[in-house]
Amino acid sequence: MIVAARAVTSEALRAELAGRGIDPANPRLLEYLRASMGALPHETLRILFLDASRRLIADEQLQHGTVGQVAFYPRTIFRRAIELDAAAIILVHNHPSGDPTPSRSDIMATERLAAIGRSLDVEVLEHIVVTLRRHRTILHGGTAACSEASSAAVLLDTASEWRRARGAKLALANAQRASRRRLLRRQLVGAADLFGEPAWDMLIDLFIHEGEAKAVSTSSLCIASGLPMTSALRLLQRLCDAGLVTREADRLDGRRNFIRLVPPLAHRLMAYFTEGDE
């Protein structure tokens, strides 16, 4: 009877969310997630797929893990998002331990998925960790590596004058399309090691973020590259040594650095992508 009552309550809460815009901070949504998966005995990854108006398209469980861990597979997540023509997703997973505090791997996986989502025009709105009675959010809960406020503060300077140049919007759109096509090509073939241009991918990622006036931290860029962290850091250092990118300290957090394209390279990339995508 208890299980049946819980199922009825969960379905009633789900019905309340259908057909209306979903906000990750909505108390009814959080209540629904806690009720439907907070007591699960193993970690489970759930995805809410949303349309452009943030209405629910599908609510699916994509991965099942162990008592203490669940794997995040970007290819599976975004392939399903593209199949559903989703404009945004909300990630949810549970902690059977009862402690909703995100692990370091949870945070790193979220940052990587958010970066991939930007390349595919599928926004990762939030990653919510739930237990039976509590929850924590990663992207807007102070645990992600980079905030929107610090991004805006860093990129409103004269080093990014190319963003206001003629053709900049076209160049940015072409770069975004090239990035999406590269990622989709890798997912289609399923052999990322055969498309080994991580330095070029890093530069495209930086160009897109700079065009969107968004900062990229060292950790976010390395995670998004798809390389092991040590390899990505070595490659990033080579790009710095070659005078292609620079490091800038975060004005709000001295422990973190942002990576920027040097202005001459940014202008050359704008000219390159103005001619079309790859």
Protein backbone atom coordinates (compact mmCIF):
# COMPACT_ATOMS: atom_id res chain seq x y z
CA MET A 1 0.00 0.00 0.00
CA ILE A 2 2.83 2.37 0.80
CA VAL A 3 4.52 1.71 -2.54
CA ALA A 4 1.22 2.14 -4.37
CA ALA A 5 0.51 5.41 -2.55
CA ARG A 6 3.97 6.71 -3.42
CA ALA A 7 3.42 5.82 -7.09
CA VAL A 8 0.07 7.62 -7.14
CA THR A 9 1.62 10.71 -5.52
CA SER A 10 4.48 10.68 -7.98
CA GLU A 11 2.15 10.43 -10.97
CA ALA A 12 -0.03 13.27 -9.63
CA LEU A 13 3.03 15.51 -9.28
CA ARG A 14 4.18 14.57 -12.78
CA ALA A 15 0.76 15.44 -14.21
CA GLU A 16 1.05 18.90 -12.63
CA LEU A 17 4.24 19.54 -14.61
CA ALA A 18 2.91 18.39 -17.98
CA GLY A 19 2.13 21.08 -20.52
CA ARG A 20 3.76 23.96 -18.67
CA GLY A 21 7.19 25.52 -18.64
CA ILE A 22 9.57 23.79 -16.23
CA ASP A 23 11.91 25.70 -13.94
CA PRO A 24 14.64 23.61 -12.26
CA ALA A 25 14.00 25.56 -9.05
CA ASN A 26 10.24 24.83 -9.02
CA PRO A 27 9.42 23.32 -5.58
CA ARG A 28 6.82 20.99 -7.14
CA LEU A 29 9.40 19.64 -9.59
CA LEU A 30 11.89 19.05 -6.78
CA GLU A 31 9.18 17.34 -4.72
CA TYR A 32 8.35 15.11 -7.69
CA LEU A 33 12.00 14.15 -8.20
CA ARG A 34 12.56 13.40 -4.52
CA ALA A 35 9.36 11.32 -4.36
CA SER A 36 10.04 9.38 -7.56
CA MET A 37 13.73 8.56 -7.17
CA GLY A 38 15.02 9.77 -3.81
CA ALA A 39 14.56 6.30 -2.24
CA LEU A 40 16.04 4.24 -5.09
CA PRO A 41 18.65 1.76 -3.81
CA HIS A 42 21.15 2.46 -6.61
CA GLU A 43 22.29 5.66 -8.31
CA THR A 44 20.20 6.34 -11.41
CA LEU A 45 20.58 9.05 -14.04
CA ARG A 46 17.36 10.63 -15.21
CA ILE A 47 16.93 13.23 -17.96
CA LEU A 48 14.07 15.68 -18.44
CA PHE A 49 13.98 16.66 -22.12
CA LEU A 50 12.40 20.07 -22.76
CA ASP A 51 11.32 22.00 -25.84
CA ALA A 52 12.19 25.63 -26.61
CA SER A 53 9.37 26.80 -24.31
CA ARG A 54 10.77 24.60 -21.49
CA ARG A 55 7.78 22.24 -21.70
CA LEU A 56 8.39 18.57 -20.94
CA ILE A 57 8.92 16.37 -24.00
CA ALA A 58 10.09 13.22 -22.21
CA ASP A 59 11.14 12.08 -18.76
CA GLU A 60 13.52 9.14 -19.09
CA GLN A 61 15.96 7.12 -17.02
CA LEU A 62 19.06 6.60 -19.16
CA GLN A 63 21.66 5.05 -16.86
CA HIS A 64 21.63 2.77 -13.83
CA GLY A 65 24.66 2.56 -11.58
CA THR A 66 25.75 1.11 -8.26
CA VAL A 67 25.08 2.20 -4.70
CA GLY A 68 27.80 4.86 -4.95
CA GLN A 69 28.25 5.74 -8.62
CA VAL A 70 26.50 6.22 -11.95
CA ALA A 71 28.20 6.76 -15.30
CA PHE A 72 27.44 9.74 -17.56
CA TYR A 73 27.66 8.96 -21.29
CA PRO A 74 27.43 12.16 -23.36
CA ARG A 75 26.86 10.27 -26.60
CA THR A 76 23.75 8.53 -25.22
CA ILE A 77 22.38 11.68 -23.61
CA PHE A 78 22.74 14.02 -26.57
CA ARG A 79 21.82 11.45 -29.20
CA ARG A 80 18.50 11.06 -27.37
CA ALA A 81 18.12 14.85 -27.06
CA ILE A 82 18.63 15.23 -30.81
CA GLU A 83 16.16 12.41 -31.54
CA LEU A 84 13.54 14.24 -29.46
CA ASP A 85 14.48 17.66 -30.90
CA ALA A 86 15.01 18.90 -27.35
CA ALA A 87 16.22 22.46 -26.81
CA ALA A 88 17.22 21.89 -23.17
CA ILE A 89 17.69 19.12 -20.64
CA ILE A 90 17.71 18.80 -16.87
CA LEU A 91 19.97 16.10 -15.43
CA VAL A 92 18.88 14.36 -12.24
CA HIS A 93 20.48 11.61 -10.25
CA ASN A 94 20.02 10.27 -6.73
CA HIS A 95 22.40 9.55 -3.86
CA PRO A 96 21.23 6.47 -1.90
CA SER A 97 23.52 7.52 0.96
CA GLY A 98 21.10 10.31 1.88
CA ASP A 99 23.74 13.01 1.37
CA PRO A 100 22.96 15.10 -1.77
CA THR A 101 26.38 16.80 -1.84
CA PRO A 102 27.77 16.44 -5.41
CA SER A 103 31.04 14.57 -5.77
CA ARG A 104 33.96 16.01 -7.71
CA SER A 105 33.19 13.58 -10.55
CA ASP A 106 29.57 14.80 -10.57
CA ILE A 107 30.77 18.39 -10.98
CA MET A 108 33.32 17.57 -13.67
CA ALA A 109 30.79 15.49 -15.64
CA THR A 110 28.28 18.34 -15.44
CA GLU A 111 30.79 20.87 -16.75
CA ARG A 112 31.70 18.58 -19.63
CA LEU A 113 28.04 17.94 -20.53
CA ALA A 114 27.25 21.66 -20.38
CA ALA A 115 30.13 22.41 -22.75
CA ILE A 116 29.02 19.71 -25.19
CA GLY A 117 25.44 20.95 -24.96
CA ARG A 118 26.50 24.46 -25.93
CA SER A 119 28.11 23.05 -29.07
CA LEU A 120 24.89 21.23 -29.99
CA ASP A 121 22.46 24.01 -29.05
CA VAL A 122 21.03 21.82 -26.30
CA GLU A 123 21.19 23.77 -23.06
CA VAL A 124 21.93 21.92 -19.84
CA LEU A 125 19.67 23.89 -17.51
CA GLU A 126 20.66 22.16 -14.30
CA HIS A 127 21.99 19.00 -12.71
CA ILE A 128 20.02 18.09 -9.58
CA VAL A 129 21.17 15.57 -6.99
CA VAL A 130 18.29 14.23 -4.88
CA THR A 131 17.73 12.09 -1.83
CA LEU A 132 14.44 11.23 -0.20
CA ARG A 133 14.29 14.50 1.74
CA ARG A 134 16.94 16.84 0.30
CA HIS A 135 18.47 18.00 -2.95
CA ARG A 136 21.43 19.97 -4.27
CA THR A 137 21.92 21.72 -7.61
CA ILE A 138 25.30 21.81 -9.33
CA LEU A 139 25.18 24.51 -12.01
CA HIS A 140 23.36 27.14 -9.96
CA GLY A 141 24.18 25.86 -6.53
CA GLY A 142 27.69 27.29 -6.29
CA THR A 143 29.49 24.04 -7.10
CA ALA A 144 30.21 24.48 -10.80
CA ALA A 145 33.54 25.93 -11.85
CA CYS A 146 32.31 29.01 -13.68
CA SER A 147 29.42 31.41 -13.07
CA GLU A 148 27.64 33.68 -15.52
CA ALA A 149 28.47 36.73 -13.42
CA SER A 150 32.20 36.12 -13.58
CA SER A 151 31.98 35.33 -17.32
CA ALA A 152 30.38 38.67 -18.11
CA ALA A 153 32.87 40.56 -15.97
CA VAL A 154 35.83 39.02 -17.75
CA LEU A 155 34.79 39.43 -21.38
CA LEU A 156 33.52 43.00 -21.46
CA ASP A 157 36.88 44.46 -22.44
CA THR A 158 38.62 45.79 -25.54
CA ALA A 159 40.50 42.54 -26.24
CA SER A 160 37.38 41.13 -27.89
CA GLU A 161 36.73 43.95 -30.36
CA TRP A 162 36.33 41.39 -33.14
CA ARG A 163 32.88 40.54 -31.71
CA ARG A 164 31.66 43.94 -32.89
CA ALA A 165 33.30 43.75 -36.30
CA ARG A 166 31.36 43.27 -39.52
CA GLY A 167 30.80 39.57 -40.18
CA ALA A 168 31.32 38.55 -36.55
CA LYS A 169 27.81 37.08 -36.17
CA LEU A 170 28.22 35.04 -39.35
CA ALA A 171 31.63 33.81 -38.22
CA LEU A 172 30.26 32.79 -34.81
CA ALA A 173 27.31 30.92 -36.40
CA ASN A 174 29.65 29.08 -38.76
CA ALA A 175 32.02 28.17 -35.92
CA GLN A 176 29.10 26.83 -33.85
CA ARG A 177 27.91 24.77 -36.82
CA ALA A 178 31.43 23.40 -37.39
CA SER A 179 31.69 22.42 -33.74
CA ARG A 180 28.31 20.66 -33.81
CA ARG A 181 29.21 18.78 -36.99
CA ARG A 182 32.52 17.61 -35.52
CA LEU A 183 30.84 16.30 -32.38
CA LEU A 184 28.05 14.61 -34.32
CA ARG A 185 30.60 13.04 -36.67
CA ARG A 186 32.47 11.53 -33.72
CA GLN A 187 29.24 10.26 -32.17
CA LEU A 188 28.09 8.79 -35.47
CA VAL A 189 31.30 6.85 -36.07
CA GLY A 190 31.94 6.06 -32.42
CA ALA A 191 35.74 6.33 -32.59
CA ALA A 192 36.80 9.69 -31.18
CA ASP A 193 40.49 8.69 -31.28
CA LEU A 194 40.33 8.68 -35.10
CA PHE A 195 39.47 12.39 -35.18
CA GLY A 196 42.45 13.65 -33.27
CA GLU A 197 42.57 17.42 -33.55
CA PRO A 198 42.18 18.42 -29.91
CA ALA A 199 44.17 21.65 -30.27
CA TRP A 200 41.92 22.86 -33.10
CA ASP A 201 38.85 21.80 -31.10
CA MET A 202 40.09 23.83 -28.14
CA LEU A 203 40.57 26.91 -30.33
CA ILE A 204 37.08 26.56 -31.84
CA ASP A 205 35.61 26.15 -28.35
CA LEU A 206 37.40 29.30 -27.17
CA PHE A 207 36.30 31.24 -30.27
CA ILE A 208 32.65 30.28 -29.75
CA HIS A 209 32.67 31.15 -26.06
CA GLU A 210 34.43 34.46 -26.68
CA GLY A 211 31.88 35.27 -29.38
CA GLU A 212 29.12 34.57 -26.83
CA ALA A 213 30.92 36.71 -24.21
CA LYS A 214 31.37 33.67 -21.97
CA ALA A 215 34.54 32.90 -20.07
CA VAL A 216 36.18 29.48 -20.18
CA SER A 217 38.08 28.26 -17.15
CA THR A 218 41.14 26.04 -17.49
CA SER A 219 39.31 23.04 -16.07
CA SER A 220 36.23 23.51 -18.28
CA LEU A 221 38.33 23.76 -21.45
CA CYS A 222 40.36 20.67 -20.55
CA ILE A 223 37.25 18.64 -19.71
CA ALA A 224 35.49 19.67 -22.91
CA SER A 225 38.51 18.67 -25.00
CA GLY A 226 37.80 14.99 -24.31
CA LEU A 227 41.44 14.35 -23.42
CA PRO A 228 42.69 13.00 -20.09
CA MET A 229 43.21 15.97 -17.79
CA THR A 230 47.00 15.71 -17.73
CA SER A 231 47.19 15.50 -21.54
CA ALA A 232 44.79 18.41 -21.93
CA LEU A 233 46.83 20.55 -19.54
CA ARG A 234 50.04 19.78 -21.45
CA LEU A 235 48.37 20.68 -24.74
CA LEU A 236 47.02 23.89 -23.25
CA GLN A 237 50.50 24.83 -22.06
CA ARG A 238 51.83 24.27 -25.60
CA LEU A 239 49.15 26.62 -26.95
CA CYS A 240 50.22 29.22 -24.37
CA ASP A 241 53.89 28.76 -25.22
CA ALA A 242 53.09 29.24 -28.93
CA GLY A 243 51.44 32.59 -28.15
CA LEU A 244 47.98 31.45 -29.33
CA VAL A 245 46.14 31.71 -26.03
CA THR A 246 46.69 33.45 -22.72
CA ARG A 247 45.74 32.79 -19.12
CA GLU A 248 43.93 35.46 -17.11
CA ALA A 249 43.23 35.29 -13.40
CA ASP A 250 39.58 35.32 -12.36
CA ARG A 251 38.93 38.70 -10.75
CA LEU A 252 36.42 37.15 -8.36
CA ASP A 253 38.32 33.97 -7.49
CA GLY A 254 42.11 34.11 -7.49
CA ARG A 255 42.33 30.30 -7.46
CA ARG A 256 40.94 30.05 -10.99
CA ASN A 257 42.25 31.07 -14.41
CA PHE A 258 40.36 31.80 -17.61
CA ILE A 259 41.76 31.01 -21.05
CA ARG A 260 41.55 33.62 -23.83
CA LEU A 261 42.48 33.68 -27.50
CA VAL A 262 45.12 36.29 -28.31
CA PRO A 263 43.43 39.09 -30.37
CA PRO A 264 45.36 38.49 -33.65
CA LEU A 265 44.34 34.82 -33.68
CA ALA A 266 40.73 35.70 -32.81
CA HIS A 267 40.58 38.02 -35.83
CA ARG A 268 42.12 35.36 -38.08
CA LEU A 269 39.58 32.80 -36.88
CA MET A 270 36.78 35.30 -37.54
CA ALA A 271 38.02 35.74 -41.11
CA TYR A 272 38.28 31.96 -41.49
CA PHE A 273 34.77 31.22 -40.27
CA THR A 274 33.25 34.17 -42.15
CA GLU A 275 34.03 32.18 -45.30
CA GLY A 276 31.89 29.28 -44.06
CA ASP A 277 31.97 26.31 -41.72
CA GLU A 278 34.15 23.25 -42.23
